[in-house]
N, C-alpha and C. Protein backbone atom coordinates (compact mmCIF):
# COMPACT_ATOMS: atom_id res chain seq x y z
N MET A 1 11.67 3.04 -18.31
CA MET A 1 12.25 1.90 -17.64
C MET A 1 11.23 1.31 -16.68
N ALA A 2 10.92 0.03 -16.82
CA ALA A 2 9.92 -0.63 -15.98
C ALA A 2 10.50 -0.92 -14.60
N GLU A 3 9.62 -0.82 -13.61
CA GLU A 3 10.04 -1.11 -12.25
C GLU A 3 10.20 -2.61 -12.06
N ALA A 4 11.15 -2.99 -11.24
CA ALA A 4 11.34 -4.40 -10.91
C ALA A 4 10.15 -4.86 -10.08
N PRO A 5 9.78 -6.12 -10.20
CA PRO A 5 8.65 -6.61 -9.40
C PRO A 5 8.99 -6.58 -7.91
N VAL A 6 7.96 -6.46 -7.10
CA VAL A 6 8.13 -6.49 -5.66
C VAL A 6 8.48 -7.93 -5.26
N PRO A 7 9.51 -8.12 -4.44
CA PRO A 7 9.89 -9.47 -4.03
C PRO A 7 8.73 -10.20 -3.36
N GLN A 8 8.72 -11.52 -3.54
CA GLN A 8 7.63 -12.34 -3.02
C GLN A 8 7.49 -12.20 -1.50
N ALA A 9 8.60 -12.05 -0.81
CA ALA A 9 8.54 -11.91 0.65
C ALA A 9 7.73 -10.68 1.06
N ILE A 10 7.76 -9.65 0.24
CA ILE A 10 6.98 -8.44 0.53
C ILE A 10 5.57 -8.58 -0.01
N SER A 11 5.41 -9.15 -1.20
CA SER A 11 4.08 -9.25 -1.80
C SER A 11 3.15 -10.17 -1.00
N LYS A 12 3.71 -11.03 -0.16
CA LYS A 12 2.89 -11.90 0.69
C LYS A 12 2.35 -11.18 1.92
N LEU A 13 2.93 -10.02 2.23
CA LEU A 13 2.50 -9.28 3.42
C LEU A 13 1.13 -8.67 3.22
N SER A 14 0.37 -8.61 4.30
CA SER A 14 -0.89 -7.87 4.25
C SER A 14 -0.56 -6.38 4.22
N PHE A 15 -1.54 -5.58 3.90
CA PHE A 15 -1.34 -4.13 3.92
C PHE A 15 -0.87 -3.67 5.29
N GLU A 16 -1.53 -4.18 6.33
CA GLU A 16 -1.21 -3.76 7.69
C GLU A 16 0.22 -4.16 8.09
N GLU A 17 0.62 -5.37 7.71
CA GLU A 17 1.98 -5.82 8.02
C GLU A 17 3.02 -4.96 7.30
N ALA A 18 2.77 -4.71 6.02
CA ALA A 18 3.72 -3.91 5.23
C ALA A 18 3.79 -2.48 5.76
N LEU A 19 2.65 -1.91 6.09
CA LEU A 19 2.63 -0.54 6.62
C LEU A 19 3.35 -0.46 7.95
N GLY A 20 3.14 -1.46 8.81
CA GLY A 20 3.82 -1.48 10.10
C GLY A 20 5.33 -1.54 9.94
N GLU A 21 5.80 -2.38 9.02
CA GLU A 21 7.24 -2.47 8.78
C GLU A 21 7.77 -1.17 8.18
N LEU A 22 7.00 -0.58 7.27
CA LEU A 22 7.41 0.69 6.67
C LEU A 22 7.52 1.78 7.74
N GLU A 23 6.56 1.84 8.65
CA GLU A 23 6.61 2.83 9.73
C GLU A 23 7.84 2.63 10.60
N LYS A 24 8.18 1.38 10.89
CA LYS A 24 9.37 1.07 11.69
C LYS A 24 10.64 1.54 10.98
N ILE A 25 10.71 1.29 9.68
CA ILE A 25 11.88 1.73 8.90
C ILE A 25 11.99 3.25 8.91
N VAL A 26 10.88 3.92 8.74
CA VAL A 26 10.89 5.39 8.74
C VAL A 26 11.40 5.92 10.09
N ARG A 27 10.90 5.33 11.19
CA ARG A 27 11.36 5.76 12.52
C ARG A 27 12.87 5.56 12.67
N GLN A 28 13.36 4.39 12.24
CA GLN A 28 14.79 4.11 12.35
C GLN A 28 15.61 5.11 11.52
N LEU A 29 15.16 5.38 10.31
CA LEU A 29 15.89 6.32 9.46
C LEU A 29 15.86 7.73 10.04
N GLU A 30 14.71 8.12 10.59
CA GLU A 30 14.61 9.45 11.19
C GLU A 30 15.51 9.60 12.41
N GLU A 31 15.67 8.52 13.15
CA GLU A 31 16.50 8.55 14.34
C GLU A 31 17.98 8.43 14.01
N GLY A 32 18.30 8.06 12.78
CA GLY A 32 19.69 7.95 12.37
C GLY A 32 20.42 6.78 12.99
N ARG A 33 19.67 5.76 13.39
CA ARG A 33 20.30 4.58 13.99
C ARG A 33 20.96 3.74 12.91
N GLY A 34 22.06 3.11 13.23
CA GLY A 34 22.69 2.17 12.32
C GLY A 34 23.72 2.82 11.41
N HIS A 35 24.30 1.98 10.58
CA HIS A 35 25.34 2.39 9.64
C HIS A 35 24.71 2.84 8.32
N LEU A 36 25.48 3.54 7.53
CA LEU A 36 25.00 4.05 6.26
C LEU A 36 24.52 2.93 5.34
N ASP A 37 25.30 1.85 5.23
CA ASP A 37 24.89 0.74 4.37
C ASP A 37 23.56 0.15 4.81
N ASP A 38 23.36 0.03 6.13
CA ASP A 38 22.09 -0.48 6.65
C ASP A 38 20.95 0.49 6.34
N ALA A 39 21.22 1.78 6.44
CA ALA A 39 20.20 2.78 6.15
C ALA A 39 19.80 2.72 4.68
N ILE A 40 20.77 2.52 3.80
CA ILE A 40 20.46 2.42 2.36
C ILE A 40 19.61 1.19 2.08
N LYS A 41 19.96 0.06 2.69
CA LYS A 41 19.17 -1.17 2.51
C LYS A 41 17.76 -0.99 3.06
N ALA A 42 17.65 -0.33 4.22
CA ALA A 42 16.34 -0.09 4.81
C ALA A 42 15.51 0.82 3.92
N TYR A 43 16.15 1.84 3.34
CA TYR A 43 15.45 2.75 2.44
C TYR A 43 14.94 2.00 1.21
N GLU A 44 15.78 1.13 0.65
CA GLU A 44 15.37 0.35 -0.52
C GLU A 44 14.19 -0.56 -0.18
N ARG A 45 14.25 -1.22 0.98
CA ARG A 45 13.13 -2.08 1.39
C ARG A 45 11.89 -1.22 1.64
N GLY A 46 12.07 -0.06 2.23
CA GLY A 46 10.95 0.85 2.46
C GLY A 46 10.28 1.27 1.17
N ALA A 47 11.07 1.51 0.14
CA ALA A 47 10.50 1.88 -1.16
C ALA A 47 9.66 0.74 -1.72
N LEU A 48 10.12 -0.49 -1.56
CA LEU A 48 9.36 -1.66 -2.03
C LEU A 48 8.08 -1.84 -1.20
N LEU A 49 8.19 -1.64 0.10
CA LEU A 49 7.01 -1.73 0.96
C LEU A 49 5.98 -0.67 0.58
N LYS A 50 6.45 0.53 0.27
CA LYS A 50 5.55 1.62 -0.14
C LYS A 50 4.82 1.24 -1.42
N ARG A 51 5.55 0.71 -2.40
CA ARG A 51 4.91 0.29 -3.65
C ARG A 51 3.87 -0.79 -3.40
N HIS A 52 4.18 -1.73 -2.52
CA HIS A 52 3.25 -2.80 -2.19
C HIS A 52 1.99 -2.24 -1.53
N CYS A 53 2.17 -1.31 -0.59
CA CYS A 53 1.01 -0.70 0.07
C CYS A 53 0.14 0.06 -0.92
N GLU A 54 0.78 0.79 -1.82
CA GLU A 54 0.02 1.53 -2.84
C GLU A 54 -0.78 0.57 -3.72
N ALA A 55 -0.18 -0.56 -4.10
CA ALA A 55 -0.88 -1.54 -4.93
C ALA A 55 -2.06 -2.14 -4.17
N LYS A 56 -1.86 -2.44 -2.89
CA LYS A 56 -2.96 -2.99 -2.07
C LYS A 56 -4.10 -1.98 -1.96
N LEU A 57 -3.77 -0.70 -1.80
CA LEU A 57 -4.81 0.32 -1.71
C LEU A 57 -5.58 0.44 -3.02
N LYS A 58 -4.88 0.36 -4.14
CA LYS A 58 -5.56 0.41 -5.44
C LYS A 58 -6.47 -0.78 -5.64
N GLU A 59 -6.03 -1.96 -5.20
CA GLU A 59 -6.88 -3.15 -5.28
C GLU A 59 -8.15 -2.96 -4.45
N ALA A 60 -7.98 -2.43 -3.24
CA ALA A 60 -9.13 -2.21 -2.37
C ALA A 60 -10.07 -1.17 -2.97
N GLN A 61 -9.50 -0.12 -3.54
CA GLN A 61 -10.31 0.93 -4.15
C GLN A 61 -11.15 0.35 -5.29
N ALA A 62 -10.56 -0.54 -6.07
CA ALA A 62 -11.27 -1.13 -7.19
C ALA A 62 -12.44 -1.97 -6.72
N ARG A 63 -12.37 -2.50 -5.50
CA ARG A 63 -13.45 -3.36 -4.99
C ARG A 63 -14.52 -2.60 -4.24
N VAL A 64 -14.19 -1.37 -3.85
CA VAL A 64 -15.15 -0.59 -3.08
C VAL A 64 -16.34 -0.22 -3.97
N GLU A 65 -17.49 -0.45 -3.45
CA GLU A 65 -18.69 -0.08 -4.20
C GLU A 65 -19.62 0.71 -3.29
N LYS A 66 -20.36 1.60 -3.91
CA LYS A 66 -21.33 2.41 -3.19
C LYS A 66 -22.71 1.79 -3.39
N ILE A 67 -23.40 1.53 -2.32
CA ILE A 67 -24.75 0.98 -2.40
C ILE A 67 -25.70 2.13 -2.75
N VAL A 68 -26.55 1.90 -3.75
CA VAL A 68 -27.49 2.93 -4.17
C VAL A 68 -28.89 2.36 -4.22
N LEU A 69 -29.86 3.21 -3.98
CA LEU A 69 -31.26 2.84 -4.08
C LEU A 69 -31.82 3.49 -5.34
N GLY A 70 -32.20 2.66 -6.28
CA GLY A 70 -32.71 3.15 -7.54
C GLY A 70 -34.12 3.70 -7.41
N PRO A 71 -34.61 4.41 -8.46
CA PRO A 71 -35.95 5.00 -8.42
C PRO A 71 -37.05 3.95 -8.24
N ASP A 72 -36.76 2.70 -8.67
CA ASP A 72 -37.75 1.65 -8.52
C ASP A 72 -37.63 0.92 -7.19
N GLY A 73 -36.78 1.41 -6.31
CA GLY A 73 -36.60 0.80 -5.00
C GLY A 73 -35.61 -0.33 -4.97
N GLN A 74 -35.05 -0.65 -6.12
CA GLN A 74 -34.06 -1.74 -6.19
C GLN A 74 -32.71 -1.27 -5.66
N VAL A 75 -32.08 -2.14 -4.92
CA VAL A 75 -30.75 -1.84 -4.41
C VAL A 75 -29.74 -2.29 -5.46
N GLY A 76 -28.79 -1.43 -5.72
CA GLY A 76 -27.75 -1.75 -6.67
C GLY A 76 -26.42 -1.24 -6.17
N ALA A 77 -25.43 -1.33 -7.01
CA ALA A 77 -24.10 -0.85 -6.64
C ALA A 77 -23.51 -0.12 -7.82
N GLU A 78 -22.71 0.86 -7.51
CA GLU A 78 -21.97 1.56 -8.56
C GLU A 78 -20.58 1.85 -8.03
N PRO A 79 -19.60 1.87 -8.90
CA PRO A 79 -18.23 2.12 -8.45
C PRO A 79 -18.11 3.51 -7.83
N VAL A 80 -17.27 3.60 -6.84
CA VAL A 80 -17.01 4.87 -6.18
C VAL A 80 -15.78 5.50 -6.79
N ASP A 81 -15.85 6.78 -7.10
CA ASP A 81 -14.69 7.51 -7.59
C ASP A 81 -14.04 8.19 -6.40
N LEU A 82 -12.97 7.58 -5.86
CA LEU A 82 -12.32 8.10 -4.68
C LEU A 82 -11.32 9.21 -4.98
N ASP A 83 -11.16 9.54 -6.28
CA ASP A 83 -10.22 10.59 -6.66
C ASP A 83 -10.84 11.98 -6.58
N ARG A 84 -12.11 12.08 -6.28
CA ARG A 84 -12.77 13.40 -6.22
C ARG A 84 -12.34 14.19 -5.05
């Protein structure tokens, strides 16, 4: 079953904005503030924010390059494997 797309309101957020909102939701849920229905909605939004943050991190990882100096003294770049 394919995941539903992240709503545009969330996909427009920067990584930092989404992470900040996610942290706020986590604090609220941990503190048990609010009603059950509100907690469920917050959890659902938090799950979407988490997916958005993960996608942003993968995008950043794909762009990260390691600068290398070749044997001929030429500077080049090679992809970094961050999974090691």
